[in-house]
Each structure stands twice: as structure tokens, then as C-alpha cells.
Amino acid sequence: MRRLVVRITAIGGLVAALLAAGTGVATGIAWPIVVLRAALALLIVVLMGAGIGLILMRTVLRRYYEQRHVPSGDRHVRADR
């Protein structure tokens, strides 16, 4: 699961950077600004991917520990929290 999140984040970051650079070049903005916008778009997507990865890992760990500590007769995950 973690590899999938990293892969999707990397692809999404590259796509966002290319779109930001492409729109900057198409509108005739100076090169330093185009590079800055592309880097900023990449950074935003990477930070979002890292946040989503942390949330997913927290959920997986919580479910793992809940299943581990539940008596053997009651194996479903409790959703009352």
C-alpha cells in the first residue's frame, strides 16, 4: 500500500510540475518564475501525498492493533471510536 501511495504521489507531482511549467511557458512568463511555480506545484503534491500516507498508515496500524487485542470470538473491527 505504501509503495502505491509513493508511486501515485510521484506521478501526480510530476504531472502537476509539467502542467505548471507548460502554462507558464505558454503565457510567456520568465523562466525563473516558471521553474519556481513548477517546484511549488511539485512540493504541494508531495506534501499532500505524505499527509495521506501518514493517515493511511495510522488507520492500518489501528486496525492491526484492534484485531490483535480483540478476543478470538469477536474478530470484527470496532467502529465506535
PDB file of N, CA and C in Angstrom:
ATOM      1  N   MET A   1       0.825  -1.191   0.000  1.00  0.00           N
ATOM      2  CA  MET A   1       0.000   0.000   0.000  1.00  0.00           C
ATOM      3  C   MET A   1       0.873   1.261   0.000  1.00  0.00           C
ATOM      4  N   ARG A   2       1.944   1.197   0.787  1.00  0.00           N
ATOM      5  CA  ARG A   2       2.823   2.369   0.877  1.00  0.00           C
ATOM      6  C   ARG A   2       3.494   2.663  -0.465  1.00  0.00           C
ATOM      7  N   ARG A   3       3.907   1.601  -1.164  1.00  0.00           N
ATOM      8  CA  ARG A   3       4.523   1.802  -2.480  1.00  0.00           C
ATOM      9  C   ARG A   3       3.548   2.439  -3.457  1.00  0.00           C
ATOM     10  N   LEU A   4       2.296   2.039  -3.381  1.00  0.00           N
ATOM     11  CA  LEU A   4       1.284   2.610  -4.261  1.00  0.00           C
ATOM     12  C   LEU A   4       1.103   4.100  -3.991  1.00  0.00           C
ATOM     13  N   VAL A   5       1.050   4.487  -2.727  1.00  0.00           N
ATOM     14  CA  VAL A   5       0.899   5.903  -2.378  1.00  0.00           C
ATOM     15  C   VAL A   5       2.112   6.701  -2.864  1.00  0.00           C
ATOM     16  N   VAL A   6       3.311   6.149  -2.686  1.00  0.00           N
ATOM     17  CA  VAL A   6       4.523   6.843  -3.133  1.00  0.00           C
ATOM     18  C   VAL A   6       4.529   6.979  -4.644  1.00  0.00           C
ATOM     19  N   ARG A   7       4.142   5.914  -5.343  1.00  0.00           N
ATOM     20  CA  ARG A   7       4.134   5.943  -6.808  1.00  0.00           C
ATOM     21  C   ARG A   7       3.110   6.947  -7.331  1.00  0.00           C
ATOM     22  N   ILE A   8       1.911   6.934  -6.762  1.00  0.00           N
ATOM     23  CA  ILE A   8       0.880   7.877  -7.205  1.00  0.00           C
ATOM     24  C   ILE A   8       1.293   9.312  -6.888  1.00  0.00           C
ATOM     25  N   THR A   9       1.924   9.519  -5.740  1.00  0.00           N
ATOM     26  CA  THR A   9       2.383  10.853  -5.374  1.00  0.00           C
ATOM     27  C   THR A   9       3.456  11.342  -6.336  1.00  0.00           C
ATOM     28  N   ALA A  10       4.396  10.479  -6.684  1.00  0.00           N
ATOM     29  CA  ALA A  10       5.456  10.870  -7.612  1.00  0.00           C
ATOM     30  C   ALA A  10       4.898  11.208  -8.990  1.00  0.00           C
ATOM     31  N   ILE A  11       4.003  10.389  -9.473  1.00  0.00           N
ATOM     32  CA  ILE A  11       3.409  10.652 -10.792  1.00  0.00           C
ATOM     33  C   ILE A  11       2.569  11.929 -10.755  1.00  0.00           C
ATOM     34  N   GLY A  12       1.781  12.084  -9.710  1.00  0.00           N
ATOM     35  CA  GLY A  12       0.968  13.298  -9.581  1.00  0.00           C
ATOM     36  C   GLY A  12       1.821  14.552  -9.458  1.00  0.00           C
ATOM     37  N   GLY A  13       2.919  14.468  -8.733  1.00  0.00           N
ATOM     38  CA  GLY A  13       3.825  15.611  -8.603  1.00  0.00           C
ATOM     39  C   GLY A  13       4.455  15.997  -9.928  1.00  0.00           C
ATOM     40  N   LEU A  14       4.886  14.995 -10.682  1.00  0.00           N
ATOM     41  CA  LEU A  14       5.469  15.295 -11.995  1.00  0.00           C
ATOM     42  C   LEU A  14       4.437  15.891 -12.952  1.00  0.00           C
ATOM     43  N   VAL A  15       3.232  15.364 -12.920  1.00  0.00           N
ATOM     44  CA  VAL A  15       2.173  15.906 -13.785  1.00  0.00           C
ATOM     45  C   VAL A  15       1.860  17.351 -13.400  1.00  0.00           C
ATOM     46  N   ALA A  16       1.771  17.619 -12.097  1.00  0.00           N
ATOM     47  CA  ALA A  16       1.490  18.988 -11.646  1.00  0.00           C
ATOM     48  C   ALA A  16       2.615  19.928 -12.040  1.00  0.00           C
ATOM     49  N   ALA A  17       3.866  19.478 -11.903  1.00  0.00           N
ATOM     50  CA  ALA A  17       5.010  20.322 -12.279  1.00  0.00           C
ATOM     51  C   ALA A  17       5.014  20.591 -13.782  1.00  0.00           C
ATOM     52  N   LEU A  18       4.735  19.560 -14.581  1.00  0.00           N
ATOM     53  CA  LEU A  18       4.704  19.759 -16.034  1.00  0.00           C
ATOM     54  C   LEU A  18       3.564  20.687 -16.454  1.00  0.00           C
ATOM     55  N   LEU A  19       2.402  20.538 -15.822  1.00  0.00           N
ATOM     56  CA  LEU A  19       1.285  21.439 -16.146  1.00  0.00           C
ATOM     57  C   LEU A  19       1.598  22.877 -15.756  1.00  0.00           C
ATOM     58  N   ALA A  20       2.191  23.065 -14.591  1.00  0.00           N
ATOM     59  CA  ALA A  20       2.542  24.417 -14.153  1.00  0.00           C
ATOM     60  C   ALA A  20       3.592  25.030 -15.082  1.00  0.00           C
ATOM     61  N   ALA A  21       4.592  24.235 -15.460  1.00  0.00           N
ATOM     62  CA  ALA A  21       5.621  24.739 -16.369  1.00  0.00           C
ATOM     63  C   ALA A  21       5.038  25.009 -17.753  1.00  0.00           C
ATOM     64  N   GLY A  22       4.179  24.116 -18.210  1.00  0.00           N
ATOM     65  CA  GLY A  22       3.575  24.303 -19.534  1.00  0.00           C
ATOM     66  C   GLY A  22       2.720  25.554 -19.625  1.00  0.00           C
ATOM     67  N   THR A  23       1.917  25.801 -18.606  1.00  0.00           N
ATOM     68  CA  THR A  23       1.091  27.015 -18.636  1.00  0.00           C
ATOM     69  C   THR A  23       1.961  28.269 -18.495  1.00  0.00           C
ATOM     70  N   GLY A  24       3.041  28.163 -17.743  1.00  0.00           N
ATOM     71  CA  GLY A  24       3.944  29.309 -17.614  1.00  0.00           C
ATOM     72  C   GLY A  24       4.639  29.636 -18.919  1.00  0.00           C
ATOM     73  N   VAL A  25       5.096  28.618 -19.619  1.00  0.00           N
ATOM     74  CA  VAL A  25       5.763  28.828 -20.908  1.00  0.00           C
ATOM     75  C   VAL A  25       4.761  29.334 -21.943  1.00  0.00           C
ATOM     76  N   ALA A  26       3.551  28.790 -21.919  1.00  0.00           N
ATOM     77  CA  ALA A  26       2.537  29.195 -22.897  1.00  0.00           C
ATOM     78  C   ALA A  26       2.125  30.649 -22.725  1.00  0.00           C
ATOM     79  N   THR A  27       2.157  31.160 -21.507  1.00  0.00           N
ATOM     80  CA  THR A  27       1.772  32.552 -21.282  1.00  0.00           C
ATOM     81  C   THR A  27       2.948  33.507 -21.366  1.00  0.00           C
ATOM     82  N   GLY A  28       4.152  32.988 -21.546  1.00  0.00           N
ATOM     83  CA  GLY A  28       5.313  33.841 -21.751  1.00  0.00           C
ATOM     84  C   GLY A  28       5.917  34.410 -20.480  1.00  0.00           C
ATOM     85  N   ILE A  29       5.821  33.706 -19.393  1.00  0.00           N
ATOM     86  CA  ILE A  29       6.393  34.157 -18.125  1.00  0.00           C
ATOM     87  C   ILE A  29       7.895  33.871 -18.140  1.00  0.00           C
ATOM     88  N   ALA A  30       8.653  34.654 -17.387  1.00  0.00           N
ATOM     89  CA  ALA A  30      10.107  34.480 -17.306  1.00  0.00           C
ATOM     90  C   ALA A  30      10.451  33.101 -16.746  1.00  0.00           C
ATOM     91  N   TRP A  31      11.594  32.537 -17.186  1.00  0.00           N
ATOM     92  CA  TRP A  31      11.990  31.189 -16.817  1.00  0.00           C
ATOM     93  C   TRP A  31      12.149  30.963 -15.317  1.00  0.00           C
ATOM     94  N   PRO A  32      12.733  31.918 -14.578  1.00  0.00           N
ATOM     95  CA  PRO A  32      12.843  31.653 -13.134  1.00  0.00           C
ATOM     96  C   PRO A  32      11.481  31.484 -12.451  1.00  0.00           C
ATOM     97  N   ILE A  33      10.487  32.223 -12.915  1.00  0.00           N
ATOM     98  CA  ILE A  33       9.147  32.104 -12.336  1.00  0.00           C
ATOM     99  C   ILE A  33       8.510  30.777 -12.731  1.00  0.00           C
ATOM    100  N   VAL A  34       8.749  30.339 -13.959  1.00  0.00           N
ATOM    101  CA  VAL A  34       8.222  29.048 -14.420  1.00  0.00           C
ATOM    102  C   VAL A  34       8.800  27.930 -13.562  1.00  0.00           C
ATOM    103  N   VAL A  35      10.110  27.966 -13.325  1.00  0.00           N
ATOM    104  CA  VAL A  35      10.756  26.929 -12.510  1.00  0.00           C
ATOM    105  C   VAL A  35      10.232  26.989 -11.081  1.00  0.00           C
ATOM    106  N   LEU A  36      10.065  28.188 -10.542  1.00  0.00           N
ATOM    107  CA  LEU A  36       9.554  28.337  -9.176  1.00  0.00           C
ATOM    108  C   LEU A  36       8.133  27.782  -9.054  1.00  0.00           C
ATOM    109  N   ARG A  37       7.285  28.079 -10.010  1.00  0.00           N
ATOM    110  CA  ARG A  37       5.910  27.570  -9.979  1.00  0.00           C
ATOM    111  C   ARG A  37       5.873  26.044 -10.097  1.00  0.00           C
ATOM    112  N   ALA A  38       6.712  25.495 -10.981  1.00  0.00           N
ATOM    113  CA  ALA A  38       6.752  24.044 -11.140  1.00  0.00           C
ATOM    114  C   ALA A  38       7.244  23.374  -9.853  1.00  0.00           C
ATOM    115  N   ALA A  39       8.266  23.945  -9.239  1.00  0.00           N
ATOM    116  CA  ALA A  39       8.782  23.388  -7.986  1.00  0.00           C
ATOM    117  C   ALA A  39       7.745  23.491  -6.874  1.00  0.00           C
ATOM    118  N   LEU A  40       7.031  24.587  -6.830  1.00  0.00           N
ATOM    119  CA  LEU A  40       5.990  24.768  -5.818  1.00  0.00           C
ATOM    120  C   LEU A  40       4.846  23.765  -6.019  1.00  0.00           C
ATOM    121  N   ALA A  41       4.444  23.548  -7.259  1.00  0.00           N
ATOM    122  CA  ALA A  41       3.394  22.557  -7.541  1.00  0.00           C
ATOM    123  C   ALA A  41       3.854  21.162  -7.132  1.00  0.00           C
ATOM    124  N   LEU A  42       5.101  20.815  -7.434  1.00  0.00           N
ATOM    125  CA  LEU A  42       5.643  19.518  -7.043  1.00  0.00           C
ATOM    126  C   LEU A  42       5.681  19.376  -5.527  1.00  0.00           C
ATOM    127  N   LEU A  43       6.105  20.413  -4.839  1.00  0.00           N
ATOM    128  CA  LEU A  43       6.183  20.384  -3.385  1.00  0.00           C
ATOM    129  C   LEU A  43       4.812  20.210  -2.742  1.00  0.00           C
ATOM    130  N   ILE A  44       3.816  20.911  -3.256  1.00  0.00           N
ATOM    131  CA  ILE A  44       2.462  20.810  -2.700  1.00  0.00           C
ATOM    132  C   ILE A  44       1.927  19.391  -2.850  1.00  0.00           C
ATOM    133  N   VAL A  45       2.113  18.789  -4.019  1.00  0.00           N
ATOM    134  CA  VAL A  45       1.612  17.436  -4.244  1.00  0.00           C
ATOM    135  C   VAL A  45       2.357  16.431  -3.375  1.00  0.00           C
ATOM    136  N   VAL A  46       3.662  16.600  -3.219  1.00  0.00           N
ATOM    137  CA  VAL A  46       4.443  15.683  -2.383  1.00  0.00           C
ATOM    138  C   VAL A  46       4.012  15.799  -0.920  1.00  0.00           C
ATOM    139  N   LEU A  47       3.784  17.002  -0.437  1.00  0.00           N
ATOM    140  CA  LEU A  47       3.332  17.165   0.944  1.00  0.00           C
ATOM    141  C   LEU A  47       1.949  16.560   1.158  1.00  0.00           C
ATOM    142  N   MET A  48       1.059  16.719   0.183  1.00  0.00           N
ATOM    143  CA  MET A  48      -0.258  16.104   0.289  1.00  0.00           C
ATOM    144  C   MET A  48      -0.150  14.585   0.303  1.00  0.00           C
ATOM    145  N   GLY A  49       0.706  14.031  -0.533  1.00  0.00           N
ATOM    146  CA  GLY A  49       0.906  12.589  -0.561  1.00  0.00           C
ATOM    147  C   GLY A  49       1.476  12.068   0.747  1.00  0.00           C
ATOM    148  N   ALA A  50       2.398  12.823   1.343  1.00  0.00           N
ATOM    149  CA  ALA A  50       2.962  12.413   2.625  1.00  0.00           C
ATOM    150  C   ALA A  50       1.891  12.428   3.710  1.00  0.00           C
ATOM    151  N   GLY A  51       1.037  13.431   3.707  1.00  0.00           N
ATOM    152  CA  GLY A  51      -0.047  13.505   4.688  1.00  0.00           C
ATOM    153  C   GLY A  51      -1.036  12.359   4.527  1.00  0.00           C
ATOM    154  N   ILE A  52      -1.389  12.062   3.299  1.00  0.00           N
ATOM    155  CA  ILE A  52      -2.309  10.952   3.044  1.00  0.00           C
ATOM    156  C   ILE A  52      -1.666   9.634   3.448  1.00  0.00           C
ATOM    157  N   GLY A  53      -0.374   9.480   3.184  1.00  0.00           N
ATOM    158  CA  GLY A  53       0.334   8.272   3.587  1.00  0.00           C
ATOM    159  C   GLY A  53       0.338   8.088   5.098  1.00  0.00           C
ATOM    160  N   LEU A  54       0.531   9.187   5.836  1.00  0.00           N
ATOM    161  CA  LEU A  54       0.505   9.097   7.294  1.00  0.00           C
ATOM    162  C   LEU A  54      -0.875   8.694   7.807  1.00  0.00           C
ATOM    163  N   ILE A  55      -1.911   9.253   7.208  1.00  0.00           N
ATOM    164  CA  ILE A  55      -3.273   8.912   7.619  1.00  0.00           C
ATOM    165  C   ILE A  55      -3.565   7.432   7.337  1.00  0.00           C
ATOM    166  N   LEU A  56      -3.153   6.957   6.161  1.00  0.00           N
ATOM    167  CA  LEU A  56      -3.381   5.551   5.824  1.00  0.00           C
ATOM    168  C   LEU A  56      -2.611   4.613   6.753  1.00  0.00           C
ATOM    169  N   MET A  57      -1.372   4.952   7.063  1.00  0.00           N
ATOM    170  CA  MET A  57      -0.582   4.094   7.954  1.00  0.00           C
ATOM    171  C   MET A  57      -1.168   4.087   9.360  1.00  0.00           C
ATOM    172  N   ARG A  58      -1.667   5.212   9.817  1.00  0.00           N
ATOM    173  CA  ARG A  58      -2.300   5.280  11.133  1.00  0.00           C
ATOM    174  C   ARG A  58      -3.525   4.380  11.180  1.00  0.00           C
ATOM    175  N   THR A  59      -4.323   4.424  10.122  1.00  0.00           N
ATOM    176  CA  THR A  59      -5.527   3.593  10.056  1.00  0.00           C
ATOM    177  C   THR A  59      -5.169   2.112  10.036  1.00  0.00           C
ATOM    178  N   VAL A  60      -4.177   1.746   9.243  1.00  0.00           N
ATOM    179  CA  VAL A  60      -3.767   0.344   9.157  1.00  0.00           C
ATOM    180  C   VAL A  60      -3.237  -0.140  10.506  1.00  0.00           C
ATOM    181  N   LEU A  61      -2.409   0.655  11.159  1.00  0.00           N
ATOM    182  CA  LEU A  61      -1.876   0.252  12.460  1.00  0.00           C
ATOM    183  C   LEU A  61      -2.976   0.133  13.505  1.00  0.00           C
ATOM    184  N   ARG A  62      -3.929   1.069  13.476  1.00  0.00           N
ATOM    185  CA  ARG A  62      -5.026   0.998  14.441  1.00  0.00           C
ATOM    186  C   ARG A  62      -5.825  -0.279  14.256  1.00  0.00           C
ATOM    187  N   ARG A  63      -6.144  -0.609  13.015  1.00  0.00           N
ATOM    188  CA  ARG A  63      -6.894  -1.836  12.753  1.00  0.00           C
ATOM    189  C   ARG A  63      -6.103  -3.070  13.145  1.00  0.00           C
ATOM    190  N   TYR A  64      -4.809  -3.054  12.899  1.00  0.00           N
ATOM    191  CA  TYR A  64      -3.969  -4.193  13.264  1.00  0.00           C
ATOM    192  C   TYR A  64      -3.977  -4.403  14.775  1.00  0.00           C
ATOM    193  N   TYR A  65      -3.788  -3.341  15.528  1.00  0.00           N
ATOM    194  CA  TYR A  65      -3.754  -3.493  16.981  1.00  0.00           C
ATOM    195  C   TYR A  65      -5.127  -3.793  17.574  1.00  0.00           C
ATOM    196  N   GLU A  66      -6.188  -3.288  16.957  1.00  0.00           N
ATOM    197  CA  GLU A  66      -7.524  -3.628  17.432  1.00  0.00           C
ATOM    198  C   GLU A  66      -7.815  -5.104  17.203  1.00  0.00           C
ATOM    199  N   GLN A  67      -7.456  -5.644  16.070  1.00  0.00           N
ATOM    200  CA  GLN A  67      -7.680  -7.063  15.799  1.00  0.00           C
ATOM    201  C   GLN A  67      -6.801  -7.941  16.679  1.00  0.00           C
ATOM    202  N   ARG A  68      -5.656  -7.460  17.001  1.00  0.00           N
ATOM    203  CA  ARG A  68      -4.729  -8.228  17.819  1.00  0.00           C
ATOM    204  C   ARG A  68      -5.200  -8.355  19.264  1.00  0.00           C
ATOM    205  N   HIS A  69      -5.875  -7.312  19.766  1.00  0.00           N
ATOM    206  CA  HIS A  69      -6.284  -7.291  21.161  1.00  0.00           C
ATOM    207  C   HIS A  69      -7.747  -7.656  21.384  1.00  0.00           C
ATOM    208  N   VAL A  70      -8.484  -7.971  20.321  1.00  0.00           N
ATOM    209  CA  VAL A  70      -9.891  -8.370  20.444  1.00  0.00           C
ATOM    210  C   VAL A  70      -9.930  -9.862  20.755  1.00  0.00           C
ATOM    211  N   PRO A  71     -10.808 -10.291  21.654  1.00  0.00           N
ATOM    212  CA  PRO A  71     -10.919 -11.731  21.924  1.00  0.00           C
ATOM    213  C   PRO A  71     -11.213 -12.514  20.649  1.00  0.00           C
ATOM    214  N   SER A  72     -10.827 -13.769  20.615  1.00  0.00           N
ATOM    215  CA  SER A  72     -10.894 -14.562  19.387  1.00  0.00           C
ATOM    216  C   SER A  72     -12.322 -14.748  18.860  1.00  0.00           C
ATOM    217  N   GLY A  73     -13.339 -14.661  19.706  1.00  0.00           N
ATOM    218  CA  GLY A  73     -14.713 -14.829  19.259  1.00  0.00           C
ATOM    219  C   GLY A  73     -15.263 -13.620  18.534  1.00  0.00           C
ATOM    220  N   ASP A  74     -14.672 -12.447  18.723  1.00  0.00           N
ATOM    221  CA  ASP A  74     -15.172 -11.200  18.147  1.00  0.00           C
ATOM    222  C   ASP A  74     -14.062 -10.572  17.306  1.00  0.00           C
ATOM    223  N   ARG A  75     -13.967 -10.945  16.007  1.00  0.00           N
ATOM    224  CA  ARG A  75     -12.870 -10.517  15.154  1.00  0.00           C
ATOM    225  C   ARG A  75     -13.161  -9.256  14.330  1.00  0.00           C
ATOM    226  N   HIS A  76     -14.354  -8.701  14.371  1.00  0.00           N
ATOM    227  CA  HIS A  76     -14.626  -7.520  13.556  1.00  0.00           C
ATOM    228  C   HIS A  76     -14.030  -6.285  14.225  1.00  0.00           C
ATOM    229  N   VAL A  77     -13.705  -5.299  13.392  1.00  0.00           N
ATOM    230  CA  VAL A  77     -13.100  -4.064  13.891  1.00  0.00           C
ATOM    231  C   VAL A  77     -14.193  -3.196  14.468  1.00  0.00           C
ATOM    232  N   ARG A  78     -13.965  -2.677  15.619  1.00  0.00           N
ATOM    233  CA  ARG A  78     -14.975  -1.834  16.264  1.00  0.00           C
ATOM    234  C   ARG A  78     -14.901  -0.421  15.699  1.00  0.00           C
ATOM    235  N   ALA A  79     -16.041   0.110  15.317  1.00  0.00           N
ATOM    236  CA  ALA A  79     -16.082   1.432  14.707  1.00  0.00           C
ATOM    237  C   ALA A  79     -16.748   2.449  15.631  1.00  0.00           C
ATOM    238  N   ASP A  80     -16.738   2.227  16.914  1.00  0.00           N
ATOM    239  CA  ASP A  80     -17.417   3.146  17.815  1.00  0.00           C
ATOM    240  C   ASP A  80     -16.496   4.241  18.347  1.00  0.00           C
ATOM    241  N   ARG A  81     -15.312   4.363  17.802  1.00  0.00           N
ATOM    242  CA  ARG A  81     -14.389   5.421  18.256  1.00  0.00           C
ATOM    243  C   ARG A  81     -14.474   6.637  17.422  1.00  0.00           C
TER     244      ARG A  81
END
